[in-house]
């Protein structure tokens, strides 16, 4: 795998979690869902109940996007170190 793809996938988790949180927040307001985080009522889009997705996005994504930044930074540093070792061996 090319190095730029490794960097891309290592940096992706915080963006996915933050985007999931914001998408859930948008869907909660746009579709007129009721209840708070602890007592979220069933919310339907057509015939699909999106309550589990909203619960995951509004709680877990909001909670885990900050640790995901730390984890991604660790992955990026690790990939950078491996790339430097690889370049030293080539030359």
N, C-alpha and C. Protein backbone atom coordinates (compact mmCIF):
# COMPACT_ATOMS: atom_id res chain seq x y z
N UNK A 1 0.85 -1.17 0.00
CA UNK A 1 0.00 0.00 0.00
C UNK A 1 0.90 1.24 0.00
N UNK A 2 0.51 2.23 -0.76
CA UNK A 2 1.31 3.45 -0.82
C UNK A 2 1.21 4.21 0.49
N UNK A 3 2.24 5.00 0.75
CA UNK A 3 2.31 5.72 2.02
C UNK A 3 1.18 6.73 2.17
N UNK A 4 0.78 7.39 1.09
CA UNK A 4 -0.27 8.40 1.20
C UNK A 4 -1.60 7.77 1.61
N UNK A 5 -1.85 6.53 1.19
CA UNK A 5 -3.07 5.84 1.60
C UNK A 5 -3.01 5.45 3.07
N UNK A 6 -1.84 5.06 3.53
CA UNK A 6 -1.68 4.73 4.95
C UNK A 6 -1.93 5.95 5.82
N UNK A 7 -1.41 7.08 5.41
CA UNK A 7 -1.65 8.32 6.15
C UNK A 7 -3.14 8.69 6.13
N UNK A 8 -3.77 8.53 4.97
CA UNK A 8 -5.18 8.86 4.84
C UNK A 8 -6.04 8.01 5.78
N UNK A 9 -5.83 6.70 5.77
CA UNK A 9 -6.64 5.82 6.61
C UNK A 9 -6.34 6.00 8.10
N UNK A 10 -5.12 6.40 8.43
CA UNK A 10 -4.79 6.65 9.84
C UNK A 10 -5.45 7.93 10.34
N UNK A 11 -5.66 8.89 9.46
CA UNK A 11 -6.27 10.16 9.86
C UNK A 11 -7.79 10.14 9.78
N UNK A 12 -8.38 9.10 9.26
CA UNK A 12 -9.81 9.04 9.00
C UNK A 12 -10.72 8.91 10.22
N UNK A 13 -10.39 8.14 11.27
CA UNK A 13 -11.35 7.92 12.37
C UNK A 13 -11.94 9.17 13.03
N UNK A 14 -11.16 10.19 13.36
CA UNK A 14 -11.81 11.36 14.00
C UNK A 14 -12.82 12.05 13.08
N UNK A 15 -12.51 12.09 11.79
CA UNK A 15 -13.43 12.73 10.84
C UNK A 15 -14.72 11.93 10.71
N UNK A 16 -14.61 10.60 10.70
CA UNK A 16 -15.82 9.77 10.62
C UNK A 16 -16.68 9.91 11.86
N UNK A 17 -16.06 9.90 13.03
CA UNK A 17 -16.84 10.01 14.26
C UNK A 17 -17.45 11.40 14.41
N UNK A 18 -16.70 12.44 14.10
CA UNK A 18 -17.26 13.79 14.18
C UNK A 18 -18.38 13.96 13.16
N UNK A 19 -18.18 13.43 11.95
CA UNK A 19 -19.22 13.51 10.93
C UNK A 19 -20.46 12.73 11.32
N UNK A 20 -20.29 11.56 11.96
CA UNK A 20 -21.43 10.78 12.43
C UNK A 20 -22.21 11.50 13.49
N UNK A 21 -21.50 12.18 14.38
CA UNK A 21 -22.16 12.96 15.43
C UNK A 21 -22.99 14.09 14.81
N UNK A 22 -22.39 14.84 13.91
CA UNK A 22 -23.08 15.97 13.30
C UNK A 22 -24.23 15.52 12.40
N UNK A 23 -24.05 14.39 11.70
CA UNK A 23 -25.12 13.86 10.87
C UNK A 23 -26.30 13.41 11.74
N UNK A 24 -26.03 12.78 12.87
CA UNK A 24 -27.09 12.37 13.79
C UNK A 24 -27.81 13.58 14.37
N UNK A 25 -27.07 14.60 14.72
CA UNK A 25 -27.66 15.81 15.25
C UNK A 25 -28.57 16.47 14.20
N UNK A 26 -28.10 16.52 12.97
CA UNK A 26 -28.91 17.08 11.89
C UNK A 26 -30.18 16.26 11.68
N UNK A 27 -30.05 14.92 11.64
CA UNK A 27 -31.21 14.05 11.40
C UNK A 27 -32.21 14.16 12.54
N UNK A 28 -31.73 14.31 13.78
CA UNK A 28 -32.62 14.45 14.93
C UNK A 28 -33.52 15.68 14.77
N UNK A 29 -32.94 16.78 14.35
CA UNK A 29 -33.71 18.01 14.19
C UNK A 29 -34.52 18.02 12.89
N UNK A 30 -33.95 17.53 11.82
CA UNK A 30 -34.61 17.58 10.52
C UNK A 30 -35.86 16.71 10.48
N UNK A 31 -35.78 15.52 11.07
CA UNK A 31 -36.91 14.60 11.04
C UNK A 31 -37.84 14.77 12.24
N UNK A 32 -37.58 15.74 13.08
CA UNK A 32 -38.46 16.06 14.19
C UNK A 32 -38.55 14.96 15.24
N UNK A 33 -37.44 14.36 15.59
CA UNK A 33 -37.43 13.30 16.59
C UNK A 33 -37.68 13.90 17.98
N UNK A 34 -38.22 13.10 18.86
CA UNK A 34 -38.60 13.56 20.20
C UNK A 34 -37.78 12.84 21.26
N UNK A 35 -37.70 13.45 22.43
CA UNK A 35 -37.01 12.85 23.57
C UNK A 35 -35.58 13.32 23.66
N UNK A 36 -35.02 13.11 24.84
CA UNK A 36 -33.63 13.46 25.05
C UNK A 36 -32.74 12.27 24.78
N UNK A 37 -31.48 12.40 25.15
CA UNK A 37 -30.54 11.33 24.90
C UNK A 37 -30.86 10.07 25.71
N UNK A 38 -31.36 10.24 26.93
CA UNK A 38 -31.66 9.08 27.77
C UNK A 38 -33.00 8.44 27.44
N UNK A 39 -33.94 9.19 26.92
CA UNK A 39 -35.25 8.62 26.60
C UNK A 39 -35.64 8.97 25.16
N UNK A 40 -34.78 8.62 24.23
CA UNK A 40 -35.02 8.90 22.82
C UNK A 40 -36.20 8.07 22.32
N UNK A 41 -37.18 8.76 21.74
CA UNK A 41 -38.37 8.08 21.22
C UNK A 41 -38.08 7.54 19.82
N UNK A 42 -38.88 6.56 19.42
CA UNK A 42 -38.71 6.00 18.09
C UNK A 42 -38.95 7.08 17.04
N UNK A 43 -38.09 7.12 16.06
CA UNK A 43 -38.16 8.14 15.02
C UNK A 43 -38.09 7.43 13.67
N UNK A 44 -39.08 7.65 12.85
CA UNK A 44 -39.18 6.93 11.58
C UNK A 44 -38.91 7.85 10.41
N UNK A 45 -38.15 7.33 9.45
CA UNK A 45 -37.96 7.96 8.15
C UNK A 45 -38.57 6.98 7.15
N UNK A 46 -39.77 7.29 6.73
CA UNK A 46 -40.51 6.32 5.93
C UNK A 46 -40.94 5.18 6.84
N UNK A 47 -40.45 3.98 6.55
CA UNK A 47 -40.75 2.83 7.40
C UNK A 47 -39.55 2.39 8.23
N UNK A 48 -38.45 3.12 8.15
CA UNK A 48 -37.22 2.75 8.84
C UNK A 48 -37.11 3.52 10.15
N UNK A 49 -36.90 2.78 11.23
CA UNK A 49 -36.69 3.41 12.54
C UNK A 49 -35.22 3.77 12.67
N UNK A 50 -34.92 5.06 12.77
CA UNK A 50 -33.52 5.50 12.83
C UNK A 50 -33.05 5.75 14.26
N UNK A 51 -33.86 5.37 15.25
CA UNK A 51 -33.49 5.60 16.63
C UNK A 51 -32.14 4.95 17.01
N UNK A 52 -31.84 3.70 16.61
CA UNK A 52 -30.53 3.14 16.98
C UNK A 52 -29.36 3.93 16.40
N UNK A 53 -29.52 4.40 15.16
CA UNK A 53 -28.45 5.19 14.54
C UNK A 53 -28.28 6.54 15.23
N UNK A 54 -29.39 7.13 15.60
CA UNK A 54 -29.32 8.40 16.33
C UNK A 54 -28.69 8.21 17.70
N UNK A 55 -29.06 7.14 18.37
CA UNK A 55 -28.47 6.86 19.69
C UNK A 55 -26.97 6.66 19.60
N UNK A 56 -26.53 5.90 18.60
CA UNK A 56 -25.09 5.68 18.42
C UNK A 56 -24.37 6.97 18.08
N UNK A 57 -24.96 7.73 17.15
CA UNK A 57 -24.31 8.96 16.71
C UNK A 57 -24.29 10.04 17.77
N UNK A 58 -25.40 10.19 18.48
CA UNK A 58 -25.48 11.27 19.47
C UNK A 58 -24.72 10.95 20.75
N UNK A 59 -24.49 9.67 21.04
CA UNK A 59 -23.77 9.34 22.26
C UNK A 59 -22.33 8.90 21.96
N UNK A 60 -22.16 7.79 21.24
CA UNK A 60 -20.82 7.24 21.06
C UNK A 60 -19.93 8.10 20.17
N UNK A 61 -20.48 8.61 19.08
CA UNK A 61 -19.65 9.44 18.20
C UNK A 61 -19.21 10.72 18.90
N UNK A 62 -20.12 11.31 19.67
CA UNK A 62 -19.78 12.53 20.40
C UNK A 62 -18.75 12.22 21.49
N UNK A 63 -18.83 11.07 22.08
CA UNK A 63 -17.93 10.69 23.16
C UNK A 63 -16.55 10.28 22.65
N UNK A 64 -16.48 9.62 21.51
CA UNK A 64 -15.23 9.00 21.07
C UNK A 64 -14.43 9.79 20.03
N UNK A 65 -14.93 10.91 19.56
CA UNK A 65 -14.16 11.58 18.52
C UNK A 65 -12.89 12.24 19.07
N UNK A 66 -12.88 12.66 20.32
CA UNK A 66 -11.66 13.23 20.92
C UNK A 66 -10.60 12.15 21.14
N UNK A 67 -10.92 10.99 21.74
CA UNK A 67 -9.90 9.93 21.82
C UNK A 67 -9.44 9.45 20.44
N UNK A 68 -10.31 9.53 19.45
CA UNK A 68 -9.91 9.13 18.10
C UNK A 68 -8.83 10.05 17.54
N UNK A 69 -8.84 11.31 17.96
CA UNK A 69 -7.78 12.23 17.52
C UNK A 69 -6.43 11.76 18.07
N UNK A 70 -6.42 11.39 19.33
CA UNK A 70 -5.17 10.90 19.96
C UNK A 70 -4.72 9.61 19.29
N UNK A 71 -5.65 8.70 19.06
CA UNK A 71 -5.33 7.43 18.42
C UNK A 71 -4.80 7.65 17.00
N UNK A 72 -5.41 8.54 16.25
CA UNK A 72 -4.95 8.82 14.89
C UNK A 72 -3.57 9.48 14.90
N UNK A 73 -3.34 10.36 15.86
CA UNK A 73 -2.01 10.98 15.95
C UNK A 73 -0.95 9.92 16.23
N UNK A 74 -1.26 8.97 17.11
CA UNK A 74 -0.33 7.88 17.40
C UNK A 74 -0.08 7.05 16.14
N UNK A 75 -1.14 6.73 15.40
CA UNK A 75 -0.98 5.97 14.16
C UNK A 75 -0.16 6.73 13.13
N UNK A 76 -0.42 8.02 13.00
CA UNK A 76 0.33 8.82 12.03
C UNK A 76 1.82 8.88 12.38
N UNK A 77 2.13 9.03 13.65
CA UNK A 77 3.54 9.04 14.06
C UNK A 77 4.20 7.69 13.82
N UNK A 78 3.47 6.64 14.07
CA UNK A 78 4.00 5.29 13.84
C UNK A 78 4.26 5.04 12.36
N UNK A 79 3.35 5.48 11.51
CA UNK A 79 3.53 5.33 10.06
C UNK A 79 4.71 6.17 9.59
N UNK A 80 4.83 7.38 10.12
CA UNK A 80 5.96 8.24 9.75
C UNK A 80 7.29 7.59 10.11
N UNK A 81 7.34 6.97 11.29
CA UNK A 81 8.56 6.29 11.74
C UNK A 81 8.88 5.12 10.81
N UNK A 82 7.89 4.33 10.43
CA UNK A 82 8.12 3.20 9.53
C UNK A 82 8.54 3.68 8.14
N UNK A 83 7.98 4.79 7.68
CA UNK A 83 8.38 5.32 6.39
C UNK A 83 9.84 5.77 6.41
N UNK A 84 10.25 6.41 7.50
CA UNK A 84 11.64 6.84 7.61
C UNK A 84 12.59 5.64 7.65
N UNK A 85 12.22 4.57 8.36
CA UNK A 85 13.04 3.37 8.39
C UNK A 85 13.13 2.73 7.01
N UNK A 86 11.99 2.71 6.30
CA UNK A 86 11.97 2.15 4.96
C UNK A 86 12.88 2.94 4.03
N UNK A 87 12.84 4.26 4.12
CA UNK A 87 13.68 5.10 3.26
C UNK A 87 15.15 4.96 3.60
N UNK A 88 15.49 4.72 4.87
CA UNK A 88 16.89 4.51 5.26
C UNK A 88 17.43 3.21 4.69
N UNK A 89 16.58 2.18 4.67
CA UNK A 89 17.02 0.88 4.14
C UNK A 89 17.21 0.93 2.63
N UNK A 90 16.43 1.74 1.94
CA UNK A 90 16.55 1.83 0.48
C UNK A 90 17.82 2.53 0.07
N UNK A 91 18.32 3.47 0.83
CA UNK A 91 19.48 4.27 0.41
C UNK A 91 20.68 3.95 1.21
